[in-house]
């Protein structure tokens, strides 16, 4: 296992992030926490099964967990819409964030999505607005927010719950504006160049850390998180607790200003003469 996973290509890491046995949000919550109480619905349209969330006890502290959830078999994958949330999913997430803020509880977001659902009905209900609203509101939350990329981190679907004081990324995950397959189909009119696209997109945890887009890489059990759920959860829990400890003592105004500064520094540009 060590020899096989020591020098993985970006495309191989994409494949690992999609491994059918890889732990998803509810599995991590089950392994890391006690007394999880799932909360449902956006109080407007319906309950989106692709987005889950609720209060749980993490090492004796009440924390709001929010994340995309994929299914473990064909029936559950359809129920969870393959982890692709509709607008009501993002609005549910925002409702839970505001609830956590009301009670002064920290928020942990676990990101694992191939993208926000792109269907006609999602667009009719304001998919773009829902994601943009979440980004805007998450910047202004007064409580600590920790974000972890635990699987796929695709485009706006990830950003809809992806703004935080600390952003962590598990080592066999990816985070970028478009999937390698979609990028390949746009640039080369074929999925056959997906490996090249994965290389060019610079989407791995190491790349993201180098760009300053994530704060820390969370190591996984040898071979990947799917080899040992308990060990993977224990490692992730230690990183989350460390991140919470680093940010929880800031006053709300300082926390918001630091968040604005953090995201304002991302990217660079040159002015044309």
Protein backbone atom coordinates (compact mmCIF):
# COMPACT_ATOMS: atom_id res chain seq x y z
CA UNK A 1 0.00 0.00 0.00
CA UNK A 2 2.76 2.43 0.93
CA UNK A 3 4.59 1.83 -2.34
CA UNK A 4 1.43 2.23 -4.43
CA UNK A 5 0.19 5.42 -2.76
CA UNK A 6 3.54 7.17 -2.30
CA UNK A 7 3.64 8.88 -5.71
CA UNK A 8 0.06 9.29 -6.88
CA UNK A 9 -0.76 11.44 -9.90
CA UNK A 10 -3.44 14.16 -9.58
CA UNK A 11 -5.90 11.98 -11.52
CA UNK A 12 -5.26 9.05 -9.19
CA UNK A 13 -6.04 11.29 -6.21
CA UNK A 14 -9.28 12.31 -7.92
CA UNK A 15 -10.13 8.62 -8.25
CA UNK A 16 -9.29 8.00 -4.58
CA UNK A 17 -11.55 10.87 -3.53
CA UNK A 18 -14.40 9.07 -5.33
CA UNK A 19 -13.70 5.62 -3.93
CA UNK A 20 -17.10 4.00 -3.18
CA UNK A 21 -15.93 2.92 0.28
CA UNK A 22 -14.60 6.33 1.26
CA UNK A 23 -16.26 7.74 4.42
CA UNK A 24 -18.78 10.51 3.89
CA UNK A 25 -20.02 13.29 6.17
CA UNK A 26 -22.37 11.22 8.35
CA UNK A 27 -19.73 8.52 8.83
CA UNK A 28 -17.20 11.08 10.07
CA UNK A 29 -19.77 12.63 12.40
CA UNK A 30 -20.65 9.18 13.76
CA UNK A 31 -17.00 8.33 14.38
CA UNK A 32 -15.89 11.72 15.77
CA UNK A 33 -18.92 12.83 17.79
CA UNK A 34 -21.63 11.82 20.21
CA UNK A 35 -25.26 12.94 20.57
CA UNK A 36 -25.69 14.04 16.95
CA UNK A 37 -29.12 15.57 16.34
CA UNK A 38 -29.84 16.02 12.64
CA UNK A 39 -31.91 19.05 11.66
CA UNK A 40 -34.00 19.14 8.49
CA UNK A 41 -35.45 21.55 5.97
CA UNK A 42 -34.88 25.09 4.77
CA UNK A 43 -38.27 26.32 6.11
CA UNK A 44 -39.14 27.40 2.59
CA UNK A 45 -39.31 24.54 0.06
CA UNK A 46 -38.22 21.10 1.31
CA UNK A 47 -35.50 19.06 2.97
CA UNK A 48 -32.55 18.41 0.64
CA UNK A 49 -31.09 14.97 1.40
CA UNK A 50 -27.81 15.89 -0.31
CA UNK A 51 -27.05 18.38 2.48
CA UNK A 52 -27.05 17.24 6.11
CA UNK A 53 -26.43 19.06 9.35
CA UNK A 54 -27.10 19.27 13.04
CA UNK A 55 -25.64 19.77 16.49
CA UNK A 56 -23.24 17.21 17.96
CA UNK A 57 -20.83 16.87 20.86
CA UNK A 58 -17.19 17.06 19.76
CA UNK A 59 -14.82 16.35 22.63
CA UNK A 60 -17.37 17.74 25.09
CA UNK A 61 -18.19 20.87 23.07
CA UNK A 62 -21.40 21.48 21.13
CA UNK A 63 -20.62 22.03 17.45
CA UNK A 64 -22.81 22.53 14.38
CA UNK A 65 -21.80 20.09 11.65
CA UNK A 66 -22.88 20.71 8.05
CA UNK A 67 -21.87 18.79 4.94
CA UNK A 68 -22.81 17.16 1.67
CA UNK A 69 -23.77 13.50 1.92
CA UNK A 70 -23.42 10.84 -0.77
CA UNK A 71 -25.03 7.42 -0.74
CA UNK A 72 -23.38 4.07 -0.10
CA UNK A 73 -25.47 2.08 -2.60
CA UNK A 74 -27.49 2.81 -5.74
CA UNK A 75 -30.74 3.56 -3.92
CA UNK A 76 -29.08 5.86 -1.37
CA UNK A 77 -27.03 7.61 -4.06
CA UNK A 78 -30.27 8.51 -5.82
CA UNK A 79 -31.84 9.63 -2.53
CA UNK A 80 -28.80 11.84 -1.79
CA UNK A 81 -28.66 13.04 -5.42
CA UNK A 82 -25.00 11.92 -5.56
CA UNK A 83 -24.03 14.68 -3.13
CA UNK A 84 -25.26 17.47 -5.44
CA UNK A 85 -27.31 19.92 -3.40
CA UNK A 86 -30.23 21.97 -4.71
CA UNK A 87 -30.83 25.59 -3.62
CA UNK A 88 -32.88 24.36 -0.66
CA UNK A 89 -29.81 22.43 0.51
CA UNK A 90 -27.70 25.58 0.63
CA UNK A 91 -30.55 27.49 2.27
CA UNK A 92 -30.85 24.74 4.87
CA UNK A 93 -27.11 25.02 5.50
CA UNK A 94 -27.43 28.78 5.97
CA UNK A 95 -30.37 28.33 8.34
CA UNK A 96 -28.27 25.98 10.47
CA UNK A 97 -25.30 28.37 10.42
CA UNK A 98 -27.50 31.18 11.68
CA UNK A 99 -28.88 28.87 14.37
CA UNK A 100 -25.33 28.07 15.51
CA UNK A 101 -24.49 31.77 15.52
CA UNK A 102 -27.59 32.53 17.61
CA UNK A 103 -26.42 30.12 20.31
CA UNK A 104 -22.72 30.98 19.99
CA UNK A 105 -21.65 27.53 18.76
CA UNK A 106 -18.78 26.88 16.32
CA UNK A 107 -19.48 25.49 12.85
CA UNK A 108 -17.65 22.70 11.02
CA UNK A 109 -18.41 22.23 7.31
CA UNK A 110 -17.44 18.97 5.59
CA UNK A 111 -17.24 19.43 1.82
CA UNK A 112 -17.71 16.49 -0.55
CA UNK A 113 -19.56 17.24 -3.78
CA UNK A 114 -19.07 16.84 -7.54
CA UNK A 115 -20.85 20.20 -7.82
CA UNK A 116 -24.14 21.90 -7.08
CA UNK A 117 -27.07 20.27 -8.88
CA UNK A 118 -27.27 21.85 -12.39
CA UNK A 119 -30.86 20.87 -13.23
CA UNK A 120 -33.50 23.21 -14.63
CA UNK A 121 -35.56 23.13 -11.44
CA UNK A 122 -32.50 24.10 -9.38
CA UNK A 123 -31.91 27.11 -11.61
CA UNK A 124 -35.59 28.07 -11.38
CA UNK A 125 -35.32 28.13 -7.58
CA UNK A 126 -32.16 30.27 -7.63
CA UNK A 127 -29.14 27.98 -7.38
CA UNK A 128 -26.64 30.75 -8.11
CA UNK A 129 -28.27 33.14 -5.66
CA UNK A 130 -28.33 30.52 -2.89
CA UNK A 131 -24.60 29.81 -3.24
CA UNK A 132 -23.70 33.50 -3.51
CA UNK A 133 -25.83 34.29 -0.46
CA UNK A 134 -24.06 31.61 1.57
CA UNK A 135 -20.62 32.93 0.63
CA UNK A 136 -21.68 36.46 1.59
CA UNK A 137 -23.24 35.40 4.89
CA UNK A 138 -20.45 33.00 5.90
CA UNK A 139 -17.91 35.81 5.71
CA UNK A 140 -19.98 37.70 8.32
CA UNK A 141 -20.66 34.89 10.80
CA UNK A 142 -19.59 35.84 14.33
CA UNK A 143 -18.75 32.29 15.42
CA UNK A 144 -15.72 30.17 14.41
CA UNK A 145 -16.09 28.32 11.10
CA UNK A 146 -13.84 25.42 10.13
CA UNK A 147 -14.08 23.96 6.61
CA UNK A 148 -12.71 20.54 5.63
CA UNK A 149 -12.54 19.13 2.10
CA UNK A 150 -13.15 15.42 2.79
CA UNK A 151 -13.70 14.24 -0.80
CA UNK A 152 -14.59 16.13 -3.95
CA UNK A 153 -14.48 19.92 -3.82
CA UNK A 154 -16.03 21.05 -7.07
CA UNK A 155 -16.70 24.66 -7.97
CA UNK A 156 -19.56 26.67 -6.46
CA UNK A 157 -21.05 23.52 -4.98
CA UNK A 158 -18.10 23.41 -2.59
CA UNK A 159 -17.91 27.17 -2.03
CA UNK A 160 -21.55 27.25 -0.87
CA UNK A 161 -20.36 25.84 2.47
CA UNK A 162 -16.65 26.51 1.95
CA UNK A 163 -15.88 29.88 3.58
CA UNK A 164 -14.21 29.65 6.97
CA UNK A 165 -11.57 30.89 9.38
CA UNK A 166 -9.54 27.76 8.67
CA UNK A 167 -9.81 25.58 5.57
CA UNK A 168 -8.38 22.07 5.85
CA UNK A 169 -8.01 19.54 3.05
CA UNK A 170 -7.55 15.79 3.33
CA UNK A 171 -4.59 14.53 1.32
CA UNK A 172 -6.50 12.39 -1.20
CA UNK A 173 -9.06 15.00 -2.19
CA UNK A 174 -9.36 17.72 -4.82
CA UNK A 175 -10.60 21.31 -4.92
CA UNK A 176 -11.05 23.28 -8.12
CA UNK A 177 -13.47 25.17 -10.37
CA UNK A 178 -14.37 22.21 -12.60
CA UNK A 179 -13.99 18.44 -12.67
CA UNK A 180 -11.17 17.05 -14.86
CA UNK A 181 -13.71 15.29 -17.11
CA UNK A 182 -15.70 18.46 -17.73
CA UNK A 183 -12.54 20.47 -18.29
CA UNK A 184 -11.33 17.89 -20.80
CA UNK A 185 -14.65 17.86 -22.65
CA UNK A 186 -14.58 21.67 -22.98
CA UNK A 187 -10.95 22.05 -24.04
CA UNK A 188 -10.47 18.87 -26.09
CA UNK A 189 -14.08 17.88 -26.86
CA UNK A 190 -13.45 14.52 -25.20
CA UNK A 191 -13.10 13.00 -21.72
CA UNK A 192 -9.97 11.15 -22.86
CA UNK A 193 -7.70 14.00 -21.72
CA UNK A 194 -9.01 13.96 -18.13
CA UNK A 195 -5.60 12.94 -16.75
CA UNK A 196 -3.97 15.91 -18.50
CA UNK A 197 -6.74 18.20 -17.26
CA UNK A 198 -6.25 16.99 -13.68
CA UNK A 199 -2.54 17.77 -13.97
CA UNK A 200 -3.13 21.24 -15.44
CA UNK A 201 -5.86 22.22 -12.98
CA UNK A 202 -3.43 21.90 -10.04
CA UNK A 203 -6.23 20.55 -7.87
CA UNK A 204 -4.47 18.46 -5.21
CA UNK A 205 -4.10 19.30 -1.53
CA UNK A 206 -0.40 20.03 -2.03
CA UNK A 207 -1.21 22.46 -4.86
CA UNK A 208 -3.92 24.19 -2.83
CA UNK A 209 -1.60 24.57 0.17
CA UNK A 210 1.07 26.02 -2.11
CA UNK A 211 -1.39 28.57 -3.50
CA UNK A 212 -2.48 29.56 0.00
CA UNK A 213 -6.07 28.49 -0.64
CA UNK A 214 -6.11 25.97 2.22
CA UNK A 215 -4.41 26.26 5.59
CA UNK A 216 -3.47 22.68 6.33
CA UNK A 217 -3.38 19.20 4.78
CA UNK A 218 -5.01 16.45 6.84
CA UNK A 219 -3.12 13.19 6.54
CA UNK A 220 -5.02 9.97 5.90
CA UNK A 221 -4.44 6.35 6.92
CA UNK A 222 -2.01 4.46 4.69
CA UNK A 223 -3.77 3.82 1.37
CA UNK A 224 -6.54 6.35 1.95
CA UNK A 225 -9.40 7.07 4.36
CA UNK A 226 -11.42 4.09 3.10
CA UNK A 227 -8.92 1.65 4.63
CA UNK A 228 -9.65 2.60 8.23
CA UNK A 229 -12.68 4.76 9.10
CA UNK A 230 -11.81 5.02 12.78
CA UNK A 231 -8.22 6.12 12.20
CA UNK A 232 -9.29 8.57 9.49
CA UNK A 233 -11.89 10.09 11.83
CA UNK A 234 -9.44 10.28 14.75
CA UNK A 235 -6.88 12.11 12.60
CA UNK A 236 -9.51 14.51 11.25
CA UNK A 237 -10.89 15.15 14.74
CA UNK A 238 -7.44 16.14 16.01
CA UNK A 239 -7.00 18.63 13.15
CA UNK A 240 -10.48 20.13 13.70
CA UNK A 241 -9.90 20.54 17.45
CA UNK A 242 -6.54 22.18 16.77
CA UNK A 243 -8.10 24.58 14.25
CA UNK A 244 -10.96 25.47 16.62
CA UNK A 245 -8.50 26.15 19.42
CA UNK A 246 -6.58 28.57 17.19
CA UNK A 247 -9.60 30.71 16.31
CA UNK A 248 -12.15 30.41 19.11
CA UNK A 249 -10.68 33.09 21.40
CA UNK A 250 -10.91 35.91 18.84
CA UNK A 251 -13.62 38.49 19.33
CA UNK A 252 -16.33 38.43 16.62
CA UNK A 253 -15.26 41.68 14.96
CA UNK A 254 -11.65 40.53 14.66
CA UNK A 255 -12.78 37.14 13.36
CA UNK A 256 -14.85 38.73 10.58
CA UNK A 257 -12.06 41.15 9.62
CA UNK A 258 -9.52 38.31 9.49
CA UNK A 259 -11.87 36.30 7.29
CA UNK A 260 -12.33 39.22 4.88
CA UNK A 261 -8.57 39.76 4.75
CA UNK A 262 -7.92 36.03 4.23
CA UNK A 263 -10.19 35.77 1.19
CA UNK A 264 -9.25 39.20 -0.12
CA UNK A 265 -5.65 38.03 -0.51
CA UNK A 266 -6.55 35.03 -2.65
CA UNK A 267 -5.59 35.24 -6.31
CA UNK A 268 -3.54 37.90 -8.06
CA UNK A 269 -3.82 40.08 -11.11
CA UNK A 270 -1.80 42.45 -13.24
CA UNK A 271 -3.00 45.77 -14.56
CA UNK A 272 -2.58 46.34 -18.28
CA UNK A 273 -0.47 49.33 -19.21
